[in-house]
């Protein structure tokens, strides 16, 4: 694969993998997995909030 593939899809794949494993551990495991499920399922929300509240680069102040 070309480097441009990982440059474009690296972070979305990592967030999707974290979200998927967070969902599976939330449904199937208990104990330490509760912490991972919170992190894995909260990561997409945190990234969306970060990008939603960040001002656009090309907008005037």
Protein backbone atom coordinates (compact mmCIF):
# COMPACT_ATOMS: atom_id res chain seq x y z
CA UNK A 1 0.00 0.00 0.00
CA UNK A 2 1.08 3.52 -0.66
CA UNK A 3 1.97 5.83 2.23
CA UNK A 4 -0.92 8.12 1.29
CA UNK A 5 -3.36 5.35 2.29
CA UNK A 6 -2.11 5.29 5.89
CA UNK A 7 -1.86 9.06 5.98
CA UNK A 8 -5.52 9.34 5.03
CA UNK A 9 -7.03 6.34 6.83
CA UNK A 10 -4.66 5.74 9.77
CA UNK A 11 -6.52 7.72 12.44
CA UNK A 12 -10.04 6.71 11.35
CA UNK A 13 -9.02 3.05 11.42
CA UNK A 14 -7.42 3.43 14.87
CA UNK A 15 -10.52 5.16 16.24
CA UNK A 16 -12.75 2.50 14.69
CA UNK A 17 -10.64 -0.29 16.16
CA UNK A 18 -10.73 1.32 19.62
CA UNK A 19 -14.48 1.81 19.34
CA UNK A 20 -15.06 -1.76 18.20
CA UNK A 21 -12.95 -3.32 20.92
CA UNK A 22 -14.59 -1.02 23.47
CA UNK A 23 -18.01 -2.21 22.39
CA UNK A 24 -17.05 -5.88 22.48
CA UNK A 25 -15.45 -5.60 25.92
CA UNK A 26 -18.47 -3.66 27.23
CA UNK A 27 -20.76 -6.45 26.10
CA UNK A 28 -18.68 -9.50 27.02
CA UNK A 29 -16.25 -8.72 29.83
CA UNK A 30 -16.27 -7.32 33.34
CA UNK A 31 -13.75 -5.83 35.75
CA UNK A 32 -10.74 -4.22 34.06
CA UNK A 33 -12.60 -4.31 30.75
CA UNK A 34 -15.09 -1.75 32.07
CA UNK A 35 -12.32 0.86 32.04
CA UNK A 36 -11.30 -0.05 28.49
CA UNK A 37 -14.90 0.05 27.30
CA UNK A 38 -15.25 3.60 28.67
CA UNK A 39 -12.06 4.66 26.91
CA UNK A 40 -12.82 2.84 23.67
CA UNK A 41 -16.38 4.11 23.42
CA UNK A 42 -15.55 7.60 24.65
CA UNK A 43 -12.71 8.17 22.20
CA UNK A 44 -14.91 8.89 19.14
CA UNK A 45 -17.00 11.27 21.22
CA UNK A 46 -13.90 13.08 22.48
CA UNK A 47 -12.48 13.41 18.96
CA UNK A 48 -15.80 14.69 17.61
CA UNK A 49 -16.08 17.22 20.44
CA UNK A 50 -12.51 18.37 19.89
CA UNK A 51 -13.08 18.99 16.19
CA UNK A 52 -16.55 20.44 16.72
CA UNK A 53 -15.50 23.08 19.23
CA UNK A 54 -12.21 23.97 17.58
CA UNK A 55 -12.49 27.14 15.48
CA UNK A 56 -12.00 26.76 11.75
CA UNK A 57 -8.57 27.77 10.47
CA UNK A 58 -9.88 29.97 7.67
CA UNK A 59 -12.56 31.84 9.63
CA UNK A 60 -11.82 35.38 10.81
CA UNK A 61 -11.67 35.94 14.59
